[in-house]
N, C-alpha and C. Protein backbone atom coordinates (compact mmCIF):
# COMPACT_ATOMS: atom_id res chain seq x y z
N MET A 1 3.70 14.21 -36.82
CA MET A 1 4.60 13.24 -36.25
C MET A 1 4.17 12.94 -34.81
N GLU A 2 3.96 11.66 -34.51
CA GLU A 2 3.53 11.27 -33.17
C GLU A 2 4.71 11.29 -32.21
N PRO A 3 4.44 11.65 -30.93
CA PRO A 3 5.54 11.62 -29.95
C PRO A 3 6.00 10.18 -29.73
N LYS A 4 7.27 10.02 -29.54
CA LYS A 4 7.84 8.69 -29.31
C LYS A 4 7.72 8.35 -27.83
N ILE A 5 7.16 7.20 -27.56
CA ILE A 5 7.00 6.74 -26.18
C ILE A 5 8.18 5.83 -25.86
N ILE A 6 8.91 6.17 -24.83
CA ILE A 6 10.05 5.37 -24.42
C ILE A 6 9.66 4.57 -23.20
N ILE A 7 9.69 3.26 -23.35
CA ILE A 7 9.38 2.38 -22.23
C ILE A 7 10.71 1.85 -21.70
N PRO A 8 10.98 2.10 -20.42
CA PRO A 8 12.24 1.62 -19.85
C PRO A 8 12.38 0.11 -19.98
N ASP A 9 13.61 -0.35 -20.17
CA ASP A 9 13.89 -1.78 -20.24
C ASP A 9 13.94 -2.31 -18.82
N VAL A 10 12.89 -3.03 -18.44
CA VAL A 10 12.74 -3.49 -17.06
C VAL A 10 12.63 -5.00 -17.03
N GLN A 11 13.36 -5.62 -16.13
CA GLN A 11 13.23 -7.05 -15.85
C GLN A 11 12.31 -7.14 -14.64
N ILE A 12 10.99 -7.10 -14.88
CA ILE A 12 10.02 -6.93 -13.81
C ILE A 12 10.03 -8.10 -12.82
N GLY A 13 10.32 -9.31 -13.30
CA GLY A 13 10.36 -10.46 -12.39
C GLY A 13 11.43 -10.29 -11.32
N ALA A 14 12.57 -9.76 -11.71
CA ALA A 14 13.65 -9.53 -10.74
C ALA A 14 13.23 -8.46 -9.73
N CYS A 15 12.50 -7.45 -10.19
CA CYS A 15 12.00 -6.40 -9.28
C CYS A 15 11.03 -7.00 -8.28
N VAL A 16 10.14 -7.87 -8.76
CA VAL A 16 9.17 -8.54 -7.88
C VAL A 16 9.92 -9.37 -6.84
N GLN A 17 10.93 -10.12 -7.28
CA GLN A 17 11.69 -10.96 -6.35
C GLN A 17 12.39 -10.11 -5.29
N GLU A 18 12.96 -9.00 -5.71
CA GLU A 18 13.67 -8.12 -4.76
C GLU A 18 12.73 -7.58 -3.69
N VAL A 19 11.56 -7.11 -4.11
CA VAL A 19 10.59 -6.57 -3.14
C VAL A 19 10.06 -7.70 -2.26
N PHE A 20 9.78 -8.86 -2.86
CA PHE A 20 9.30 -10.01 -2.10
C PHE A 20 10.29 -10.37 -0.99
N GLU A 21 11.57 -10.45 -1.34
CA GLU A 21 12.59 -10.83 -0.36
C GLU A 21 12.72 -9.78 0.74
N SER A 22 12.49 -8.52 0.42
CA SER A 22 12.58 -7.47 1.44
C SER A 22 11.41 -7.53 2.42
N ARG A 23 10.34 -8.22 2.05
CA ARG A 23 9.15 -8.31 2.90
C ARG A 23 9.25 -9.45 3.92
N ASN A 24 10.28 -10.27 3.84
CA ASN A 24 10.43 -11.43 4.75
C ASN A 24 9.17 -12.28 4.77
N MET A 25 8.65 -12.54 3.61
CA MET A 25 7.42 -13.29 3.44
C MET A 25 7.76 -14.70 2.96
N LYS A 26 6.93 -15.66 3.30
CA LYS A 26 7.14 -17.03 2.82
C LYS A 26 6.66 -17.12 1.38
N LEU A 27 7.40 -17.89 0.58
CA LEU A 27 7.04 -18.08 -0.83
C LEU A 27 5.66 -18.71 -0.96
N SER A 28 5.37 -19.66 -0.07
CA SER A 28 4.06 -20.32 -0.12
C SER A 28 2.93 -19.32 0.19
N ASP A 29 3.18 -18.35 1.08
CA ASP A 29 2.16 -17.34 1.37
C ASP A 29 1.91 -16.45 0.16
N LEU A 30 2.99 -16.06 -0.54
CA LEU A 30 2.82 -15.25 -1.75
C LEU A 30 2.05 -16.04 -2.79
N ALA A 31 2.43 -17.30 -2.98
CA ALA A 31 1.73 -18.14 -3.96
C ALA A 31 0.25 -18.25 -3.62
N ASP A 32 -0.06 -18.49 -2.35
CA ASP A 32 -1.47 -18.61 -1.93
C ASP A 32 -2.24 -17.32 -2.21
N GLN A 33 -1.65 -16.19 -1.87
CA GLN A 33 -2.34 -14.91 -2.06
C GLN A 33 -2.51 -14.56 -3.54
N LEU A 34 -1.63 -15.10 -4.38
CA LEU A 34 -1.77 -14.88 -5.83
C LEU A 34 -2.65 -15.94 -6.48
N GLY A 35 -3.02 -16.95 -5.70
CA GLY A 35 -3.88 -18.01 -6.24
C GLY A 35 -3.14 -18.94 -7.18
N THR A 36 -1.88 -19.21 -6.86
CA THR A 36 -1.07 -20.07 -7.70
C THR A 36 -0.20 -20.97 -6.84
N VAL A 37 0.74 -21.66 -7.47
CA VAL A 37 1.64 -22.56 -6.75
C VAL A 37 3.04 -21.96 -6.72
N ARG A 38 3.87 -22.50 -5.83
CA ARG A 38 5.23 -21.98 -5.64
C ARG A 38 6.04 -21.98 -6.94
N GLN A 39 5.88 -23.03 -7.76
CA GLN A 39 6.63 -23.13 -9.00
C GLN A 39 6.33 -21.94 -9.93
N ASN A 40 5.08 -21.50 -9.93
CA ASN A 40 4.72 -20.35 -10.77
C ASN A 40 5.33 -19.06 -10.24
N VAL A 41 5.49 -18.96 -8.93
CA VAL A 41 6.13 -17.77 -8.36
C VAL A 41 7.59 -17.72 -8.81
N TYR A 42 8.26 -18.87 -8.79
CA TYR A 42 9.64 -18.91 -9.28
C TYR A 42 9.70 -18.48 -10.75
N ARG A 43 8.71 -18.89 -11.53
CA ARG A 43 8.66 -18.49 -12.95
C ARG A 43 8.45 -16.98 -13.08
N ILE A 44 7.62 -16.42 -12.20
CA ILE A 44 7.38 -14.97 -12.22
C ILE A 44 8.70 -14.23 -11.99
N PHE A 45 9.50 -14.71 -11.05
CA PHE A 45 10.77 -14.05 -10.74
C PHE A 45 11.72 -14.02 -11.95
N LYS A 46 11.55 -14.95 -12.88
CA LYS A 46 12.44 -15.03 -14.04
C LYS A 46 11.91 -14.29 -15.27
N LYS A 47 10.68 -13.80 -15.21
CA LYS A 47 10.06 -13.17 -16.37
C LYS A 47 10.55 -11.74 -16.57
N LYS A 48 10.65 -11.38 -17.85
CA LYS A 48 10.97 -10.00 -18.20
C LYS A 48 9.70 -9.16 -18.20
N ASP A 49 8.60 -9.74 -18.68
CA ASP A 49 7.31 -9.05 -18.77
C ASP A 49 6.25 -9.85 -18.04
N LEU A 50 5.25 -9.14 -17.50
CA LEU A 50 4.12 -9.79 -16.85
C LEU A 50 2.83 -9.16 -17.33
N ASP A 51 1.78 -9.94 -17.34
CA ASP A 51 0.44 -9.46 -17.65
C ASP A 51 0.06 -8.38 -16.64
N THR A 52 -0.60 -7.32 -17.10
CA THR A 52 -0.93 -6.22 -16.18
C THR A 52 -1.86 -6.66 -15.06
N GLY A 53 -2.75 -7.60 -15.33
CA GLY A 53 -3.63 -8.10 -14.28
C GLY A 53 -2.84 -8.79 -13.17
N LEU A 54 -1.88 -9.61 -13.58
CA LEU A 54 -1.04 -10.30 -12.60
C LEU A 54 -0.17 -9.30 -11.85
N LEU A 55 0.38 -8.34 -12.57
CA LEU A 55 1.24 -7.34 -11.93
C LEU A 55 0.43 -6.49 -10.94
N THR A 56 -0.81 -6.22 -11.26
CA THR A 56 -1.69 -5.48 -10.33
C THR A 56 -1.90 -6.29 -9.05
N LYS A 57 -2.16 -7.58 -9.20
CA LYS A 57 -2.37 -8.45 -8.04
C LYS A 57 -1.10 -8.53 -7.19
N ILE A 58 0.05 -8.68 -7.85
CA ILE A 58 1.33 -8.74 -7.12
C ILE A 58 1.56 -7.44 -6.38
N SER A 59 1.24 -6.31 -7.03
CA SER A 59 1.40 -5.00 -6.40
C SER A 59 0.55 -4.89 -5.14
N GLU A 60 -0.66 -5.41 -5.20
CA GLU A 60 -1.56 -5.37 -4.04
C GLU A 60 -1.03 -6.25 -2.91
N VAL A 61 -0.62 -7.47 -3.26
CA VAL A 61 -0.17 -8.42 -2.24
C VAL A 61 1.11 -7.92 -1.55
N LEU A 62 2.05 -7.40 -2.34
CA LEU A 62 3.32 -6.95 -1.78
C LEU A 62 3.29 -5.48 -1.36
N GLU A 63 2.14 -4.83 -1.56
CA GLU A 63 1.98 -3.42 -1.21
C GLU A 63 3.10 -2.57 -1.81
N HIS A 64 3.29 -2.74 -3.12
CA HIS A 64 4.35 -2.03 -3.84
C HIS A 64 3.86 -1.78 -5.26
N ASN A 65 4.01 -0.56 -5.75
CA ASN A 65 3.56 -0.22 -7.11
C ASN A 65 4.65 -0.59 -8.12
N PHE A 66 4.52 -1.76 -8.73
CA PHE A 66 5.51 -2.20 -9.70
C PHE A 66 5.39 -1.46 -11.03
N PHE A 67 4.28 -0.79 -11.24
CA PHE A 67 4.10 -0.06 -12.50
C PHE A 67 5.01 1.16 -12.58
N HIS A 68 5.47 1.66 -11.44
CA HIS A 68 6.32 2.84 -11.49
C HIS A 68 7.67 2.55 -12.15
N TYR A 69 8.06 1.28 -12.25
CA TYR A 69 9.31 0.93 -12.93
C TYR A 69 9.25 1.25 -14.43
N TYR A 70 8.04 1.38 -14.95
CA TYR A 70 7.86 1.63 -16.38
C TYR A 70 7.74 3.12 -16.70
N LYS A 71 7.84 3.95 -15.70
CA LYS A 71 7.74 5.39 -15.92
C LYS A 71 9.11 5.97 -16.23
N THR A 72 9.10 7.09 -16.91
CA THR A 72 10.35 7.79 -17.17
C THR A 72 10.85 8.41 -15.87
N PRO A 73 12.13 8.76 -15.79
CA PRO A 73 12.65 9.38 -14.56
C PRO A 73 11.87 10.63 -14.15
N ASP A 74 11.42 11.43 -15.12
CA ASP A 74 10.63 12.62 -14.80
C ASP A 74 9.31 12.24 -14.13
N GLN A 75 8.67 11.20 -14.63
CA GLN A 75 7.41 10.76 -14.04
C GLN A 75 7.63 10.16 -12.66
N GLN A 76 8.74 9.44 -12.48
CA GLN A 76 9.03 8.81 -11.18
C GLN A 76 9.30 9.85 -10.11
N ALA A 77 9.89 10.97 -10.50
CA ALA A 77 10.22 12.01 -9.51
C ALA A 77 8.96 12.57 -8.87
N ASP A 78 7.85 12.54 -9.58
CA ASP A 78 6.59 13.08 -9.06
C ASP A 78 5.87 12.11 -8.13
N GLU A 79 6.29 10.86 -8.09
CA GLU A 79 5.59 9.83 -7.33
C GLU A 79 6.24 9.62 -5.96
N PRO A 80 5.43 9.50 -4.90
CA PRO A 80 6.01 9.28 -3.57
C PRO A 80 6.68 7.92 -3.47
N SER A 81 7.72 7.84 -2.67
CA SER A 81 8.43 6.58 -2.48
C SER A 81 7.65 5.68 -1.51
N ASP A 82 8.06 4.41 -1.44
CA ASP A 82 7.43 3.48 -0.50
C ASP A 82 7.58 3.98 0.93
N ARG A 83 8.74 4.55 1.25
CA ARG A 83 8.99 5.07 2.60
C ARG A 83 8.04 6.21 2.90
N GLU A 84 7.85 7.10 1.92
CA GLU A 84 6.93 8.23 2.12
C GLU A 84 5.50 7.74 2.30
N LEU A 85 5.12 6.71 1.54
CA LEU A 85 3.77 6.16 1.69
C LEU A 85 3.59 5.49 3.05
N THR A 86 4.62 4.79 3.51
CA THR A 86 4.56 4.14 4.83
C THR A 86 4.42 5.20 5.93
N GLU A 87 5.19 6.28 5.82
CA GLU A 87 5.09 7.36 6.80
C GLU A 87 3.72 8.01 6.77
N ALA A 88 3.19 8.21 5.57
CA ALA A 88 1.86 8.82 5.44
C ALA A 88 0.78 7.92 6.06
N ARG A 89 0.91 6.60 5.84
CA ARG A 89 -0.05 5.66 6.44
C ARG A 89 0.04 5.69 7.96
N ALA A 90 1.26 5.78 8.49
CA ALA A 90 1.45 5.84 9.95
C ALA A 90 0.81 7.11 10.50
N GLN A 91 1.00 8.23 9.82
CA GLN A 91 0.39 9.49 10.26
C GLN A 91 -1.13 9.41 10.19
N LEU A 92 -1.64 8.78 9.14
CA LEU A 92 -3.09 8.61 9.01
C LEU A 92 -3.64 7.76 10.15
N ASP A 93 -2.95 6.68 10.50
CA ASP A 93 -3.38 5.83 11.61
C ASP A 93 -3.39 6.62 12.92
N LEU A 94 -2.36 7.43 13.16
CA LEU A 94 -2.32 8.25 14.37
C LEU A 94 -3.47 9.26 14.39
N ALA A 95 -3.73 9.86 13.24
CA ALA A 95 -4.82 10.84 13.16
C ALA A 95 -6.17 10.18 13.44
N LYS A 96 -6.37 8.96 12.93
CA LYS A 96 -7.61 8.23 13.18
C LYS A 96 -7.77 7.92 14.67
N LYS A 97 -6.68 7.52 15.32
CA LYS A 97 -6.73 7.25 16.76
C LYS A 97 -7.06 8.52 17.55
N GLU A 98 -6.45 9.62 17.13
CA GLU A 98 -6.72 10.89 17.80
C GLU A 98 -8.17 11.31 17.63
N ILE A 99 -8.72 11.12 16.44
CA ILE A 99 -10.13 11.45 16.19
C ILE A 99 -11.03 10.59 17.08
N ASP A 100 -10.73 9.29 17.18
CA ASP A 100 -11.53 8.41 18.04
C ASP A 100 -11.46 8.87 19.50
N TYR A 101 -10.27 9.26 19.94
CA TYR A 101 -10.07 9.75 21.30
C TYR A 101 -10.89 11.02 21.53
N LEU A 102 -10.85 11.94 20.57
CA LEU A 102 -11.60 13.20 20.70
C LEU A 102 -13.11 12.95 20.69
N LYS A 103 -13.56 11.99 19.90
CA LYS A 103 -14.99 11.64 19.90
C LYS A 103 -15.42 11.14 21.28
N LYS A 104 -14.57 10.33 21.92
CA LYS A 104 -14.88 9.83 23.27
C LYS A 104 -14.94 10.98 24.27
N ILE A 105 -14.03 11.93 24.15
CA ILE A 105 -14.04 13.10 25.04
C ILE A 105 -15.32 13.90 24.85
N ILE A 106 -15.72 14.08 23.60
CA ILE A 106 -16.96 14.82 23.32
C ILE A 106 -18.16 14.10 23.94
N LEU A 107 -18.23 12.79 23.80
CA LEU A 107 -19.33 12.04 24.40
C LEU A 107 -19.35 12.19 25.92
N LEU A 108 -18.17 12.12 26.55
CA LEU A 108 -18.09 12.30 27.99
C LEU A 108 -18.52 13.70 28.41
N MET A 109 -18.12 14.71 27.65
CA MET A 109 -18.50 16.09 27.97
C MET A 109 -20.00 16.30 27.79
N GLU A 110 -20.57 15.69 26.76
CA GLU A 110 -22.03 15.79 26.56
C GLU A 110 -22.77 15.12 27.71
N GLU A 111 -22.27 13.98 28.15
CA GLU A 111 -22.88 13.27 29.28
C GLU A 111 -22.78 14.11 30.55
N LYS A 112 -21.63 14.73 30.77
CA LYS A 112 -21.43 15.59 31.94
C LYS A 112 -22.41 16.77 31.89
N ALA A 113 -22.57 17.37 30.72
CA ALA A 113 -23.50 18.50 30.57
C ALA A 113 -24.92 18.06 30.87
N ARG A 114 -25.32 16.87 30.41
CA ARG A 114 -26.67 16.37 30.70
C ARG A 114 -26.86 16.15 32.20
N LEU A 115 -25.84 15.57 32.83
CA LEU A 115 -25.93 15.33 34.27
C LEU A 115 -26.03 16.64 35.06
N LEU A 116 -25.20 17.62 34.69
CA LEU A 116 -25.24 18.91 35.36
C LEU A 116 -26.60 19.60 35.16
N GLN A 117 -27.13 19.48 33.97
CA GLN A 117 -28.44 20.07 33.69
C GLN A 117 -29.52 19.37 34.51
N ALA A 118 -29.41 18.05 34.63
CA ALA A 118 -30.41 17.29 35.41
C ALA A 118 -30.33 17.69 36.88
N VAL A 119 -29.12 17.90 37.41
CA VAL A 119 -28.96 18.31 38.80
C VAL A 119 -29.49 19.73 39.01
N ALA A 120 -29.25 20.60 38.05
CA ALA A 120 -29.68 21.99 38.17
C ALA A 120 -31.20 22.10 38.11
N VAL A 121 -31.87 21.23 37.41
CA VAL A 121 -33.33 21.27 37.29
C VAL A 121 -33.99 20.84 38.58
N ARG A 122 -33.37 20.00 39.35
CA ARG A 122 -33.96 19.50 40.60
C ARG A 122 -34.04 20.57 41.57
C-alpha cells in the first residue's frame, strides 16, 4: 500500500496577492519583472493553481517561497520564516562588512610592518 500524499487546499493566487500587497510594490513593476502585462497579474491573483515555473519566478521576484504553502504543517515547522530569513540576511550583510573592515586593517598592518622593516634596515 502506497503512502497517501495530502496536498493542502491552497488558493495560491490569493497568497501571491497578499505577499505582493505587503511589499508595497507597483503592479506594473511586478508585471514587468514577470515578463507579462498587468491584466495577467490580476488573473494570477484569482488562480487556485499556478504552473511551477511561474510560481518559481513569482517567488524570486517577491522574495517569498510560495511552495511552502503546499507543505504539511510538520514540514512547515522545519522551515525558517520570512522574518528569520530577513534577520539572517541582515546578519550576513553585517558579517561581510566586518570581514571587509578586518581585511583593510590587515592590509594597513602589513604596510606598517613593511615600513618599520624598511626603517630598521637603514
